[in-house]
Amino acid sequence: MAGIALTKKCQLNCKYCFAKDINKIDKNEISIEDFKYALNFLKSSDNNEPLKLVGGEPLLHSKFSEILDIITQDDFFKSVEVFSNGIDIDKYINKLLHNKIILLINCNSENDIGNTLYNKLKNNVAMLSDIYKDRFYLGINLYKKDLDYSFIFDLLKAAKLGMLRFSIAVSNFDKENTSSILQSYKEFQPLLRNFFKDCIKNEVVPYYDCNSLPGCILEPEDKKLLLNLNDLSKKNHYMSTLFSQNKCNSVITILPDLTACKCFFYSLNRVNIKDFKYYKNLKDYFSNTMDIYFDVAFIKRECENCKTRINNRCGICPLYKMKRVDEIKKMLISNL
């Protein structure tokens, strides 16, 4: 998958935001000329991956309407996913109704964004339920152990949706302190258990975005809940990823200054796409400089022989392996 970050502007300041490093680039938003360059670059290797438009908040780009016209008129891209906080969707609803556009709305509570913005979000979600049907989804980030997530079920009801995309944001990244990440996951288990129970109660099928709960810390109660959710997904003919954690397939994202990163989490490791002839060359670069190390790295010594990790089904974000990756690189260099 490939994404283009249209702007670093956002009207929110989420504590868990994974795109904060984008603020370290100079350009506030991508120019139309550079947007077209990025599109042509992605098309250079017959890339048929879905295109993602992200931010910041992509709808805050000063020429968002023109960008939608460009992308909807380009037959190469069969589907385009727009990642939004949902607050300004009503301003562009006519263009967003195009049949190749898919909306993913990351939802925040009234406590986090205030009454005015939350009501606007809720009204927009209700509007989409009437006119957009099956081409929009809601998501939530579980970012603190005492999070009140009950609002999401109200939004899902307004949206008339039975699936929910979610992610566990267990901590801010600190490469020098990743050995405690499994303990952070364990501390999230009570919240996640209650979350799964409430999903079952509300007949909502949750599915992972990324950074899922590692199987090694699951207890019998957790496994029973997952089985119940699996039954619920089959009953409602939904596809859930709760039982299918695989190797991270992070999105290569092109930023407004035409630098690219493997994922927002790794945005400090950026390269200019103009240094690559084809998109495939860029993918190979990240595969050879990052992915091969993530595949062999592990967080703690007891993870080394874990079959789930070896088979790339752990689910933990590779970011937490960065300290070990640095150690591997140093070892390889010293052996040259």
C-alpha atoms as a PDB file:
ATOM      1  CA  MET A   1       0.000   0.000   0.000  1.00  0.00           C
ATOM      2  CA  ALA A   2       1.124   3.544  -0.692  1.00  0.00           C
ATOM      3  CA  GLY A   3       0.012   6.842   0.775  1.00  0.00           C
ATOM      4  CA  ILE A   4       0.419  10.550   0.138  1.00  0.00           C
ATOM      5  CA  ALA A   5       0.346  12.931   3.100  1.00  0.00           C
ATOM      6  CA  LEU A   6      -1.413  16.007   1.739  1.00  0.00           C
ATOM      7  CA  THR A   7      -0.774  18.309   4.687  1.00  0.00           C
ATOM      8  CA  LYS A   8       0.637  18.390   8.181  1.00  0.00           C
ATOM      9  CA  LYS A   9      -2.203  20.645   9.357  1.00  0.00           C
ATOM     10  CA  CYS A  10      -4.808  19.257  11.742  1.00  0.00           C
ATOM     11  CA  GLN A  11      -7.425  20.920  13.923  1.00  0.00           C
ATOM     12  CA  LEU A  12      -6.890  18.304  16.658  1.00  0.00           C
ATOM     13  CA  ASN A  13      -3.963  17.530  18.944  1.00  0.00           C
ATOM     14  CA  CYS A  14      -4.436  13.855  19.800  1.00  0.00           C
ATOM     15  CA  LYS A  15      -2.136  12.575  22.540  1.00  0.00           C
ATOM     16  CA  TYR A  16      -1.564   9.303  20.705  1.00  0.00           C
ATOM     17  CA  CYS A  17      -0.918  10.879  17.282  1.00  0.00           C
ATOM     18  CA  PHE A  18       1.551   8.754  15.291  1.00  0.00           C
ATOM     19  CA  ALA A  19       2.146  11.456  12.675  1.00  0.00           C
ATOM     20  CA  LYS A  20       3.758  14.115  14.851  1.00  0.00           C
ATOM     21  CA  ASP A  21       7.140  13.768  13.166  1.00  0.00           C
ATOM     22  CA  ILE A  22       5.559  15.110   9.980  1.00  0.00           C
ATOM     23  CA  ASN A  23       5.678  18.521  11.677  1.00  0.00           C
ATOM     24  CA  LYS A  24       9.471  18.444  11.361  1.00  0.00           C
ATOM     25  CA  ILE A  25       9.315  18.949   7.597  1.00  0.00           C
ATOM     26  CA  ASP A  26       9.247  22.501   6.215  1.00  0.00           C
ATOM     27  CA  LYS A  27       6.252  22.329   3.874  1.00  0.00           C
ATOM     28  CA  ASN A  28       2.762  22.700   5.338  1.00  0.00           C
ATOM     29  CA  GLU A  29       1.081  20.989   2.396  1.00  0.00           C
ATOM     30  CA  ILE A  30       1.929  19.334  -0.893  1.00  0.00           C
ATOM     31  CA  SER A  31       1.639  21.486  -4.010  1.00  0.00           C
ATOM     32  CA  ILE A  32      -0.581  20.364  -6.889  1.00  0.00           C
ATOM     33  CA  GLU A  33       2.524  20.013  -9.062  1.00  0.00           C
ATOM     34  CA  ASP A  34       4.219  17.765  -6.497  1.00  0.00           C
ATOM     35  CA  PHE A  35       1.009  15.796  -5.947  1.00  0.00           C
ATOM     36  CA  LYS A  36       0.901  14.985  -9.661  1.00  0.00           C
ATOM     37  CA  TYR A  37       4.606  14.062  -9.537  1.00  0.00           C
ATOM     38  CA  ALA A  38       3.914  11.692  -6.629  1.00  0.00           C
ATOM     39  CA  LEU A  39       1.018  10.073  -8.508  1.00  0.00           C
ATOM     40  CA  ASN A  40       3.145   9.512 -11.585  1.00  0.00           C
ATOM     41  CA  PHE A  41       5.921   8.080  -9.433  1.00  0.00           C
ATOM     42  CA  LEU A  42       3.516   5.585  -7.843  1.00  0.00           C
ATOM     43  CA  LYS A  43       2.297   4.606 -11.313  1.00  0.00           C
ATOM     44  CA  SER A  44       5.850   4.053 -12.575  1.00  0.00           C
ATOM     45  CA  SER A  45       5.953   0.388 -11.545  1.00  0.00           C
ATOM     46  CA  ASP A  46       2.396  -0.538 -12.517  1.00  0.00           C
ATOM     47  CA  ASN A  47       1.546  -0.263  -8.860  1.00  0.00           C
ATOM     48  CA  ASN A  48      -2.023  -1.486  -8.358  1.00  0.00           C
ATOM     49  CA  GLU A  49      -2.042  -0.961  -4.607  1.00  0.00           C
ATOM     50  CA  PRO A  50      -4.855   1.118  -3.110  1.00  0.00           C
ATOM     51  CA  LEU A  51      -3.883   4.767  -2.720  1.00  0.00           C
ATOM     52  CA  LYS A  52      -4.233   6.381   0.679  1.00  0.00           C
ATOM     53  CA  LEU A  53      -4.644  10.124   1.252  1.00  0.00           C
ATOM     54  CA  VAL A  54      -3.536  11.038   4.752  1.00  0.00           C
ATOM     55  CA  GLY A  55      -2.325  13.972   6.827  1.00  0.00           C
ATOM     56  CA  GLY A  56      -2.433  15.682   9.281  1.00  0.00           C
ATOM     57  CA  GLU A  57      -6.034  16.036   8.312  1.00  0.00           C
ATOM     58  CA  PRO A  58      -6.117  15.690   4.494  1.00  0.00           C
ATOM     59  CA  LEU A  59      -9.355  17.654   4.163  1.00  0.00           C
ATOM     60  CA  LEU A  60      -7.532  20.755   5.459  1.00  0.00           C
ATOM     61  CA  HIS A  61      -5.408  20.958   2.304  1.00  0.00           C
ATOM     62  CA  SER A  62      -6.200  24.320   0.694  1.00  0.00           C
ATOM     63  CA  LYS A  63      -6.890  22.602  -2.658  1.00  0.00           C
ATOM     64  CA  PHE A  64      -8.431  19.368  -1.433  1.00  0.00           C
ATOM     65  CA  SER A  65     -11.300  19.669  -3.900  1.00  0.00           C
ATOM     66  CA  GLU A  66      -8.864  19.914  -6.823  1.00  0.00           C
ATOM     67  CA  ILE A  67      -6.909  16.949  -5.501  1.00  0.00           C
ATOM     68  CA  LEU A  68     -10.074  14.847  -5.442  1.00  0.00           C
ATOM     69  CA  ASP A  69     -10.807  15.848  -9.033  1.00  0.00           C
ATOM     70  CA  ILE A  70      -7.318  14.792 -10.116  1.00  0.00           C
ATOM     71  CA  ILE A  71      -7.465  11.419  -8.440  1.00  0.00           C
ATOM     72  CA  THR A  72     -11.031  10.508  -9.381  1.00  0.00           C
ATOM     73  CA  GLN A  73     -10.310  11.309 -13.030  1.00  0.00           C
ATOM     74  CA  ASP A  74      -7.189   9.126 -13.054  1.00  0.00           C
ATOM     75  CA  ASP A  75      -8.265   5.650 -14.183  1.00  0.00           C
ATOM     76  CA  PHE A  76      -5.059   4.055 -12.917  1.00  0.00           C
ATOM     77  CA  PHE A  77      -6.132   4.186  -9.265  1.00  0.00           C
ATOM     78  CA  LYS A  78      -9.175   1.981  -8.807  1.00  0.00           C
ATOM     79  CA  SER A  79      -9.762   2.896  -5.165  1.00  0.00           C
ATOM     80  CA  VAL A  80      -8.641   5.732  -2.914  1.00  0.00           C
ATOM     81  CA  GLU A  81      -8.840   5.624   0.884  1.00  0.00           C
ATOM     82  CA  VAL A  82      -9.175   8.985   2.607  1.00  0.00           C
ATOM     83  CA  PHE A  83      -8.130   8.959   6.280  1.00  0.00           C
ATOM     84  CA  SER A  84      -9.992  11.693   8.157  1.00  0.00           C
ATOM     85  CA  ASN A  85     -11.083  12.753  11.626  1.00  0.00           C
ATOM     86  CA  GLY A  86     -14.553  13.277  10.125  1.00  0.00           C
ATOM     87  CA  ILE A  87     -15.038  16.855  11.223  1.00  0.00           C
ATOM     88  CA  ASP A  88     -15.023  18.596   7.818  1.00  0.00           C
ATOM     89  CA  ILE A  89     -16.500  15.849   5.666  1.00  0.00           C
ATOM     90  CA  ASP A  90     -19.718  17.796   5.093  1.00  0.00           C
ATOM     91  CA  LYS A  91     -17.755  20.483   3.204  1.00  0.00           C
ATOM     92  CA  TYR A  92     -16.724  18.020   0.476  1.00  0.00           C
ATOM     93  CA  ILE A  93     -19.508  15.462   0.628  1.00  0.00           C
ATOM     94  CA  ASN A  94     -20.495  15.731  -3.045  1.00  0.00           C
ATOM     95  CA  LYS A  95     -16.971  14.941  -4.245  1.00  0.00           C
ATOM     96  CA  LEU A  96     -16.406  12.294  -1.598  1.00  0.00           C
ATOM     97  CA  LEU A  97     -19.428  10.410  -2.948  1.00  0.00           C
ATOM     98  CA  HIS A  98     -17.412   9.318  -5.974  1.00  0.00           C
ATOM     99  CA  ASN A  99     -17.539   5.518  -6.243  1.00  0.00           C
ATOM    100  CA  LYS A 100     -13.764   5.046  -5.980  1.00  0.00           C
ATOM    101  CA  ILE A 101     -13.509   6.931  -2.664  1.00  0.00           C
ATOM    102  CA  ILE A 102     -13.466   5.019   0.633  1.00  0.00           C
ATOM    103  CA  LEU A 103     -13.530   6.918   3.926  1.00  0.00           C
ATOM    104  CA  LEU A 104     -11.870   5.794   7.133  1.00  0.00           C
ATOM    105  CA  ILE A 105     -12.817   8.051  10.028  1.00  0.00           C
ATOM    106  CA  ASN A 106     -10.664   8.007  13.150  1.00  0.00           C
ATOM    107  CA  CYS A 107     -13.015   8.855  16.023  1.00  0.00           C
ATOM    108  CA  ASN A 108     -12.322  10.729  19.235  1.00  0.00           C
ATOM    109  CA  SER A 109     -14.530  11.271  22.251  1.00  0.00           C
ATOM    110  CA  GLU A 110     -16.260  14.429  23.366  1.00  0.00           C
ATOM    111  CA  ASN A 111     -13.847  14.539  26.315  1.00  0.00           C
ATOM    112  CA  ASP A 112     -10.904  14.662  23.904  1.00  0.00           C
ATOM    113  CA  ILE A 113     -12.161  17.068  21.219  1.00  0.00           C
ATOM    114  CA  GLY A 114     -14.898  19.050  22.935  1.00  0.00           C
ATOM    115  CA  ASN A 115     -18.668  19.187  22.555  1.00  0.00           C
ATOM    116  CA  THR A 116     -18.799  21.271  19.355  1.00  0.00           C
ATOM    117  CA  LEU A 117     -16.413  19.153  17.285  1.00  0.00           C
ATOM    118  CA  TYR A 118     -17.825  15.889  18.626  1.00  0.00           C
ATOM    119  CA  ASN A 119     -21.382  16.837  17.662  1.00  0.00           C
ATOM    120  CA  LYS A 120     -20.135  17.796  14.211  1.00  0.00           C
ATOM    121  CA  LEU A 121     -18.437  14.406  13.910  1.00  0.00           C
ATOM    122  CA  LYS A 122     -21.591  12.601  15.021  1.00  0.00           C
ATOM    123  CA  ASN A 123     -23.784  14.548  12.575  1.00  0.00           C
ATOM    124  CA  ASN A 124     -21.393  13.811   9.710  1.00  0.00           C
ATOM    125  CA  VAL A 125     -21.346  10.109  10.560  1.00  0.00           C
ATOM    126  CA  ALA A 126     -25.143  10.020  10.598  1.00  0.00           C
ATOM    127  CA  MET A 127     -25.227  11.804   7.231  1.00  0.00           C
ATOM    128  CA  LEU A 128     -22.818   9.277   5.736  1.00  0.00           C
ATOM    129  CA  SER A 129     -24.981   6.388   6.941  1.00  0.00           C
ATOM    130  CA  ASP A 130     -27.823   7.652   4.744  1.00  0.00           C
ATOM    131  CA  ILE A 131     -25.920   8.421   1.549  1.00  0.00           C
ATOM    132  CA  TYR A 132     -22.557   6.657   1.618  1.00  0.00           C
ATOM    133  CA  LYS A 133     -23.671   3.150   2.571  1.00  0.00           C
ATOM    134  CA  ASP A 134     -20.854   0.592   2.635  1.00  0.00           C
ATOM    135  CA  ARG A 135     -17.899   2.780   1.686  1.00  0.00           C
ATOM    136  CA  PHE A 136     -16.971   4.299   5.018  1.00  0.00           C
ATOM    137  CA  TYR A 137     -15.599   2.867   8.252  1.00  0.00           C
ATOM    138  CA  LEU A 138     -14.968   4.049  11.783  1.00  0.00           C
ATOM    139  CA  GLY A 139     -11.813   3.547  13.812  1.00  0.00           C
ATOM    140  CA  ILE A 140     -10.612   4.121  17.366  1.00  0.00           C
ATOM    141  CA  ASN A 141      -7.233   4.199  19.103  1.00  0.00           C
ATOM    142  CA  LEU A 142      -7.109   2.643  22.566  1.00  0.00           C
ATOM    143  CA  TYR A 143      -4.405   4.892  23.919  1.00  0.00           C
ATOM    144  CA  LYS A 144      -4.760   4.802  27.705  1.00  0.00           C
ATOM    145  CA  LYS A 145      -5.622   2.085  30.197  1.00  0.00           C
ATOM    146  CA  ASP A 146      -8.656   3.913  31.636  1.00  0.00           C
ATOM    147  CA  LEU A 147     -10.055   5.134  28.311  1.00  0.00           C
ATOM    148  CA  ASP A 148     -13.827   5.638  28.195  1.00  0.00           C
ATOM    149  CA  TYR A 149     -14.532   4.199  24.745  1.00  0.00           C
ATOM    150  CA  SER A 150     -18.322   3.975  25.149  1.00  0.00           C
ATOM    151  CA  PHE A 151     -18.818   6.857  22.712  1.00  0.00           C
ATOM    152  CA  ILE A 152     -17.707   4.694  19.794  1.00  0.00           C
ATOM    153  CA  PHE A 153     -20.778   2.483  20.097  1.00  0.00           C
ATOM    154  CA  ASP A 154     -23.000   5.557  19.867  1.00  0.00           C
ATOM    155  CA  LEU A 155     -21.161   6.604  16.709  1.00  0.00           C
ATOM    156  CA  LEU A 156     -21.395   3.107  15.236  1.00  0.00           C
ATOM    157  CA  LYS A 157     -25.126   3.111  15.881  1.00  0.00           C
ATOM    158  CA  ALA A 158     -25.462   6.503  14.173  1.00  0.00           C
ATOM    159  CA  ALA A 159     -23.353   5.168  11.292  1.00  0.00           C
ATOM    160  CA  LYS A 160     -25.373   1.938  11.082  1.00  0.00           C
ATOM    161  CA  LEU A 161     -22.110  -0.026  11.041  1.00  0.00           C
ATOM    162  CA  GLY A 162     -21.303  -3.398  12.596  1.00  0.00           C
ATOM    163  CA  MET A 163     -17.511  -3.351  12.198  1.00  0.00           C
ATOM    164  CA  LEU A 164     -14.887  -1.266  13.973  1.00  0.00           C
ATOM    165  CA  ARG A 165     -11.241  -0.746  13.134  1.00  0.00           C
ATOM    166  CA  PHE A 166      -9.068  -0.348  16.247  1.00  0.00           C
ATOM    167  CA  SER A 167      -5.459  -0.085  17.292  1.00  0.00           C
ATOM    168  CA  ILE A 168      -3.634  -0.340  20.601  1.00  0.00           C
ATOM    169  CA  ALA A 169      -1.445   2.700  21.235  1.00  0.00           C
ATOM    170  CA  VAL A 170       0.390   1.305  24.238  1.00  0.00           C
ATOM    171  CA  SER A 171       3.118   3.909  24.637  1.00  0.00           C
ATOM    172  CA  ASN A 172       5.049   6.731  23.082  1.00  0.00           C
ATOM    173  CA  PHE A 173       8.074   5.336  21.300  1.00  0.00           C
ATOM    174  CA  ASP A 174      11.405   5.425  23.097  1.00  0.00           C
ATOM    175  CA  LYS A 175      14.004   3.265  21.376  1.00  0.00           C
ATOM    176  CA  GLU A 176      16.054   2.985  24.563  1.00  0.00           C
ATOM    177  CA  ASN A 177      13.130   1.705  26.618  1.00  0.00           C
ATOM    178  CA  THR A 178      11.393  -0.893  24.450  1.00  0.00           C
ATOM    179  CA  SER A 179      12.146  -3.903  26.665  1.00  0.00           C
ATOM    180  CA  SER A 180       9.115  -3.000  28.810  1.00  0.00           C
ATOM    181  CA  ILE A 181       6.692  -3.028  25.886  1.00  0.00           C
ATOM    182  CA  LEU A 182       5.285  -6.470  26.729  1.00  0.00           C
ATOM    183  CA  GLN A 183       4.518  -5.231  30.229  1.00  0.00           C
ATOM    184  CA  SER A 184       2.696  -2.268  28.689  1.00  0.00           C
ATOM    185  CA  TYR A 185       0.566  -4.681  26.668  1.00  0.00           C
ATOM    186  CA  LYS A 186      -0.232  -6.669  29.796  1.00  0.00           C
ATOM    187  CA  GLU A 187      -1.371  -3.499  31.511  1.00  0.00           C
ATOM    188  CA  PHE A 188      -3.777  -2.928  28.609  1.00  0.00           C
ATOM    189  CA  GLN A 189      -5.390  -6.367  28.933  1.00  0.00           C
ATOM    190  CA  PRO A 190      -8.174  -5.367  31.380  1.00  0.00           C
ATOM    191  CA  LEU A 191      -9.233  -2.510  29.081  1.00  0.00           C
ATOM    192  CA  LEU A 192      -9.120  -4.752  26.037  1.00  0.00           C
ATOM    193  CA  ARG A 193     -11.152  -7.487  27.730  1.00  0.00           C
ATOM    194  CA  ASN A 194     -13.888  -5.025  28.627  1.00  0.00           C
ATOM    195  CA  PHE A 195     -13.700  -3.562  25.119  1.00  0.00           C
ATOM    196  CA  PHE A 196     -14.200  -7.009  23.553  1.00  0.00           C
ATOM    197  CA  LYS A 197     -17.078  -7.774  25.946  1.00  0.00           C
ATOM    198  CA  ASP A 198     -18.793  -4.521  24.995  1.00  0.00           C
ATOM    199  CA  CYS A 199     -18.239  -5.265  21.309  1.00  0.00           C
ATOM    200  CA  ILE A 200     -20.047  -8.584  21.772  1.00  0.00           C
ATOM    201  CA  LYS A 201     -22.821  -6.889  23.748  1.00  0.00           C
ATOM    202  CA  ASN A 202     -23.307  -4.320  20.967  1.00  0.00           C
ATOM    203  CA  GLU A 203     -22.826  -6.902  18.185  1.00  0.00           C
ATOM    204  CA  VAL A 204     -19.822  -5.066  16.803  1.00  0.00           C
ATOM    205  CA  VAL A 205     -16.981  -6.963  15.125  1.00  0.00           C
ATOM    206  CA  PRO A 206     -13.608  -5.288  15.860  1.00  0.00           C
ATOM    207  CA  TYR A 207     -10.613  -5.720  13.589  1.00  0.00           C
ATOM    208  CA  TYR A 208      -7.006  -4.666  14.072  1.00  0.00           C
ATOM    209  CA  ASP A 209      -5.482  -1.723  12.272  1.00  0.00           C
ATOM    210  CA  CYS A 210      -1.970  -2.511  13.492  1.00  0.00           C
ATOM    211  CA  ASN A 211      -0.008  -3.079  16.703  1.00  0.00           C
ATOM    212  CA  SER A 212      -2.173  -5.945  17.934  1.00  0.00           C
ATOM    213  CA  LEU A 213      -2.133  -7.856  21.211  1.00  0.00           C
ATOM    214  CA  PRO A 214       0.691 -10.458  21.062  1.00  0.00           C
ATOM    215  CA  GLY A 215      -0.545 -14.015  21.433  1.00  0.00           C
ATOM    216  CA  CYS A 216       2.059 -14.889  24.056  1.00  0.00           C
ATOM    217  CA  ILE A 217       0.288 -12.867  26.745  1.00  0.00           C
ATOM    218  CA  LEU A 218      -3.256 -14.069  26.012  1.00  0.00           C
ATOM    219  CA  GLU A 219      -4.968 -15.725  28.953  1.00  0.00           C
ATOM    220  CA  PRO A 220      -7.860 -18.256  28.785  1.00  0.00           C
ATOM    221  CA  GLU A 221     -10.444 -15.483  29.236  1.00  0.00           C
ATOM    222  CA  ASP A 222      -8.954 -13.540  26.339  1.00  0.00           C
ATOM    223  CA  LYS A 223      -9.002 -16.568  24.050  1.00  0.00           C
ATOM    224  CA  LYS A 224     -12.629 -17.290  24.924  1.00  0.00           C
ATOM    225  CA  LEU A 225     -13.611 -13.719  24.069  1.00  0.00           C
ATOM    226  CA  LEU A 226     -11.773 -13.953  20.752  1.00  0.00           C
ATOM    227  CA  LEU A 227     -13.652 -17.151  19.928  1.00  0.00           C
ATOM    228  CA  ASN A 228     -16.959 -15.445  20.736  1.00  0.00           C
ATOM    229  CA  LEU A 229     -16.015 -12.518  18.503  1.00  0.00           C
ATOM    230  CA  ASN A 230     -15.059 -14.919  15.749  1.00  0.00           C
ATOM    231  CA  ASP A 231     -18.513 -16.503  16.007  1.00  0.00           C
ATOM    232  CA  LEU A 232     -20.070 -13.036  15.859  1.00  0.00           C
ATOM    233  CA  SER A 233     -18.114 -12.156  12.731  1.00  0.00           C
ATOM    234  CA  LYS A 234     -19.251 -15.356  11.009  1.00  0.00           C
ATOM    235  CA  LYS A 235     -22.849 -14.749  12.053  1.00  0.00           C
ATOM    236  CA  ASN A 236     -22.824 -11.293  10.483  1.00  0.00           C
ATOM    237  CA  HIS A 237     -20.654 -12.283   7.504  1.00  0.00           C
ATOM    238  CA  TYR A 238     -17.858  -9.928   8.530  1.00  0.00           C
ATOM    239  CA  MET A 239     -14.136 -10.470   8.186  1.00  0.00           C
ATOM    240  CA  SER A 240     -12.174 -10.056  11.421  1.00  0.00           C
ATOM    241  CA  THR A 241      -8.379  -9.989  11.787  1.00  0.00           C
ATOM    242  CA  LEU A 242      -8.333 -10.955  15.452  1.00  0.00           C
ATOM    243  CA  PHE A 243      -7.090 -14.442  14.614  1.00  0.00           C
ATOM    244  CA  SER A 244      -4.849 -13.581  11.699  1.00  0.00           C
ATOM    245  CA  GLN A 245      -2.005 -11.390  12.862  1.00  0.00           C
ATOM    246  CA  ASN A 246       0.635 -11.282  10.161  1.00  0.00           C
ATOM    247  CA  LYS A 247       3.833  -9.535   9.229  1.00  0.00           C
ATOM    248  CA  CYS A 248       3.513  -5.764   9.330  1.00  0.00           C
ATOM    249  CA  ASN A 249       2.748  -4.384   5.864  1.00  0.00           C
ATOM    250  CA  SER A 250       3.280  -0.751   6.731  1.00  0.00           C
ATOM    251  CA  VAL A 251       2.377   1.894   4.191  1.00  0.00           C
ATOM    252  CA  ILE A 252       5.096   3.751   2.317  1.00  0.00           C
ATOM    253  CA  THR A 253       4.037   7.372   2.663  1.00  0.00           C
ATOM    254  CA  ILE A 254       5.119  10.288   0.498  1.00  0.00           C
ATOM    255  CA  LEU A 255       5.231  13.501   2.545  1.00  0.00           C
ATOM    256  CA  PRO A 256       4.467  17.056   1.321  1.00  0.00           C
ATOM    257  CA  ASP A 257       8.158  17.720   0.581  1.00  0.00           C
ATOM    258  CA  LEU A 258       8.347  14.567  -1.621  1.00  0.00           C
ATOM    259  CA  THR A 259      10.373  12.647   0.914  1.00  0.00           C
ATOM    260  CA  ALA A 260       9.089   9.181   1.711  1.00  0.00           C
ATOM    261  CA  CYS A 261       9.059   7.067   4.842  1.00  0.00           C
ATOM    262  CA  LYS A 262       8.217   3.416   5.432  1.00  0.00           C
ATOM    263  CA  CYS A 263       5.611   4.361   7.996  1.00  0.00           C
ATOM    264  CA  PHE A 264       4.842   7.490  10.020  1.00  0.00           C
ATOM    265  CA  PHE A 265       6.445   5.713  12.964  1.00  0.00           C
ATOM    266  CA  TYR A 266       9.718   5.660  11.038  1.00  0.00           C
ATOM    267  CA  SER A 267       9.369   9.131   9.543  1.00  0.00           C
ATOM    268  CA  LEU A 268      12.803  10.214  10.765  1.00  0.00           C
ATOM    269  CA  ASN A 269      14.238   7.761   8.237  1.00  0.00           C
ATOM    270  CA  ARG A 270      13.180   9.598   5.056  1.00  0.00           C
ATOM    271  CA  VAL A 271      14.454   9.573   1.487  1.00  0.00           C
ATOM    272  CA  ASN A 272      13.588  11.774  -1.490  1.00  0.00           C
ATOM    273  CA  ILE A 273      11.508   9.970  -4.097  1.00  0.00           C
ATOM    274  CA  LYS A 274      13.318  11.934  -6.829  1.00  0.00           C
ATOM    275  CA  ASP A 275      16.390   9.839  -6.016  1.00  0.00           C
ATOM    276  CA  PHE A 276      14.561   6.747  -7.292  1.00  0.00           C
ATOM    277  CA  LYS A 277      13.616   6.028 -10.883  1.00  0.00           C
ATOM    278  CA  TYR A 278      10.685   3.745 -10.101  1.00  0.00           C
ATOM    279  CA  TYR A 279       8.360   3.151  -7.158  1.00  0.00           C
ATOM    280  CA  LYS A 280       9.584  -0.457  -7.076  1.00  0.00           C
ATOM    281  CA  ASN A 281      13.114   0.846  -6.418  1.00  0.00           C
ATOM    282  CA  LEU A 282      11.807   2.730  -3.397  1.00  0.00           C
ATOM    283  CA  LYS A 283      10.029  -0.368  -2.077  1.00  0.00           C
ATOM    284  CA  ASP A 284      13.200  -2.415  -2.536  1.00  0.00           C
ATOM    285  CA  TYR A 285      15.198   0.231  -0.681  1.00  0.00           C
ATOM    286  CA  PHE A 286      12.977   0.038   2.408  1.00  0.00           C
ATOM    287  CA  SER A 287      12.870  -3.740   2.192  1.00  0.00           C
ATOM    288  CA  ASN A 288      16.682  -3.971   2.136  1.00  0.00           C
ATOM    289  CA  THR A 289      17.367  -1.315   4.763  1.00  0.00           C
ATOM    290  CA  MET A 290      14.543  -1.981   7.221  1.00  0.00           C
ATOM    291  CA  ASP A 291      12.327  -5.008   6.631  1.00  0.00           C
ATOM    292  CA  ILE A 292      15.096  -7.610   6.563  1.00  0.00           C
ATOM    293  CA  TYR A 293      16.239  -6.452   9.998  1.00  0.00           C
ATOM    294  CA  PHE A 294      12.737  -6.353  11.477  1.00  0.00           C
ATOM    295  CA  ASP A 295      12.224  -9.949  10.340  1.00  0.00           C
ATOM    296  CA  VAL A 296      15.103 -11.233  12.479  1.00  0.00           C
ATOM    297  CA  ALA A 297      15.013  -8.770  15.372  1.00  0.00           C
ATOM    298  CA  PHE A 298      13.181  -9.393  18.637  1.00  0.00           C
ATOM    299  CA  ILE A 299      12.227  -7.285  21.640  1.00  0.00           C
ATOM    300  CA  LYS A 300      13.388  -9.499  24.492  1.00  0.00           C
ATOM    301  CA  ARG A 301      15.691 -12.501  24.662  1.00  0.00           C
ATOM    302  CA  GLU A 302      12.763 -14.851  25.446  1.00  0.00           C
ATOM    303  CA  CYS A 303      11.184 -13.804  22.115  1.00  0.00           C
ATOM    304  CA  GLU A 304      14.107 -15.173  20.100  1.00  0.00           C
ATOM    305  CA  ASN A 305      12.743 -18.700  19.626  1.00  0.00           C
ATOM    306  CA  CYS A 306       9.047 -17.821  19.660  1.00  0.00           C
ATOM    307  CA  LYS A 307       7.388 -19.604  16.717  1.00  0.00           C
ATOM    308  CA  THR A 308       4.775 -16.880  16.397  1.00  0.00           C
ATOM    309  CA  ARG A 309       7.484 -14.261  15.976  1.00  0.00           C
ATOM    310  CA  ILE A 310       9.555 -16.419  13.634  1.00  0.00           C
ATOM    311  CA  ASN A 311       6.476 -16.945  11.435  1.00  0.00           C
ATOM    312  CA  ASN A 312       5.814 -13.176  11.388  1.00  0.00           C
ATOM    313  CA  ARG A 313       2.535 -13.502  13.261  1.00  0.00           C
ATOM    314  CA  CYS A 314       3.417 -11.649  16.467  1.00  0.00           C
ATOM    315  CA  GLY A 315       1.468  -8.491  15.688  1.00  0.00           C
ATOM    316  CA  ILE A 316       3.637  -6.110  17.713  1.00  0.00           C
ATOM    317  CA  CYS A 317       4.694  -3.004  15.816  1.00  0.00           C
ATOM    318  CA  PRO A 318       8.242  -3.482  14.419  1.00  0.00           C
ATOM    319  CA  LEU A 319       9.082  -0.044  15.795  1.00  0.00           C
ATOM    320  CA  TYR A 320       9.691  -1.588  19.198  1.00  0.00           C
ATOM    321  CA  LYS A 321      12.476  -3.686  17.681  1.00  0.00           C
ATOM    322  CA  MET A 322      14.487  -0.629  16.649  1.00  0.00           C
ATOM    323  CA  LYS A 323      17.028  -0.914  19.463  1.00  0.00           C
ATOM    324  CA  ARG A 324      17.739  -4.523  18.507  1.00  0.00           C
ATOM    325  CA  VAL A 325      17.895  -3.524  14.807  1.00  0.00           C
ATOM    326  CA  ASP A 326      20.601  -0.974  15.637  1.00  0.00           C
ATOM    327  CA  GLU A 327      22.542  -3.665  17.496  1.00  0.00           C
ATOM    328  CA  ILE A 328      22.334  -6.030  14.508  1.00  0.00           C
ATOM    329  CA  LYS A 329      23.531  -3.326  12.113  1.00  0.00           C
ATOM    330  CA  LYS A 330      26.494  -2.477  14.349  1.00  0.00           C
ATOM    331  CA  MET A 331      27.411  -6.126  14.611  1.00  0.00           C
ATOM    332  CA  LEU A 332      27.307  -6.570  10.835  1.00  0.00           C
ATOM    333  CA  ILE A 333      29.436  -3.470  10.285  1.00  0.00           C
ATOM    334  CA  SER A 334      32.036  -4.615  12.830  1.00  0.00           C
ATOM    335  CA  ASN A 335      32.325  -7.967  11.016  1.00  0.00           C
ATOM    336  CA  LEU A 336      33.038  -6.399   7.648  1.00  0.00           C
END
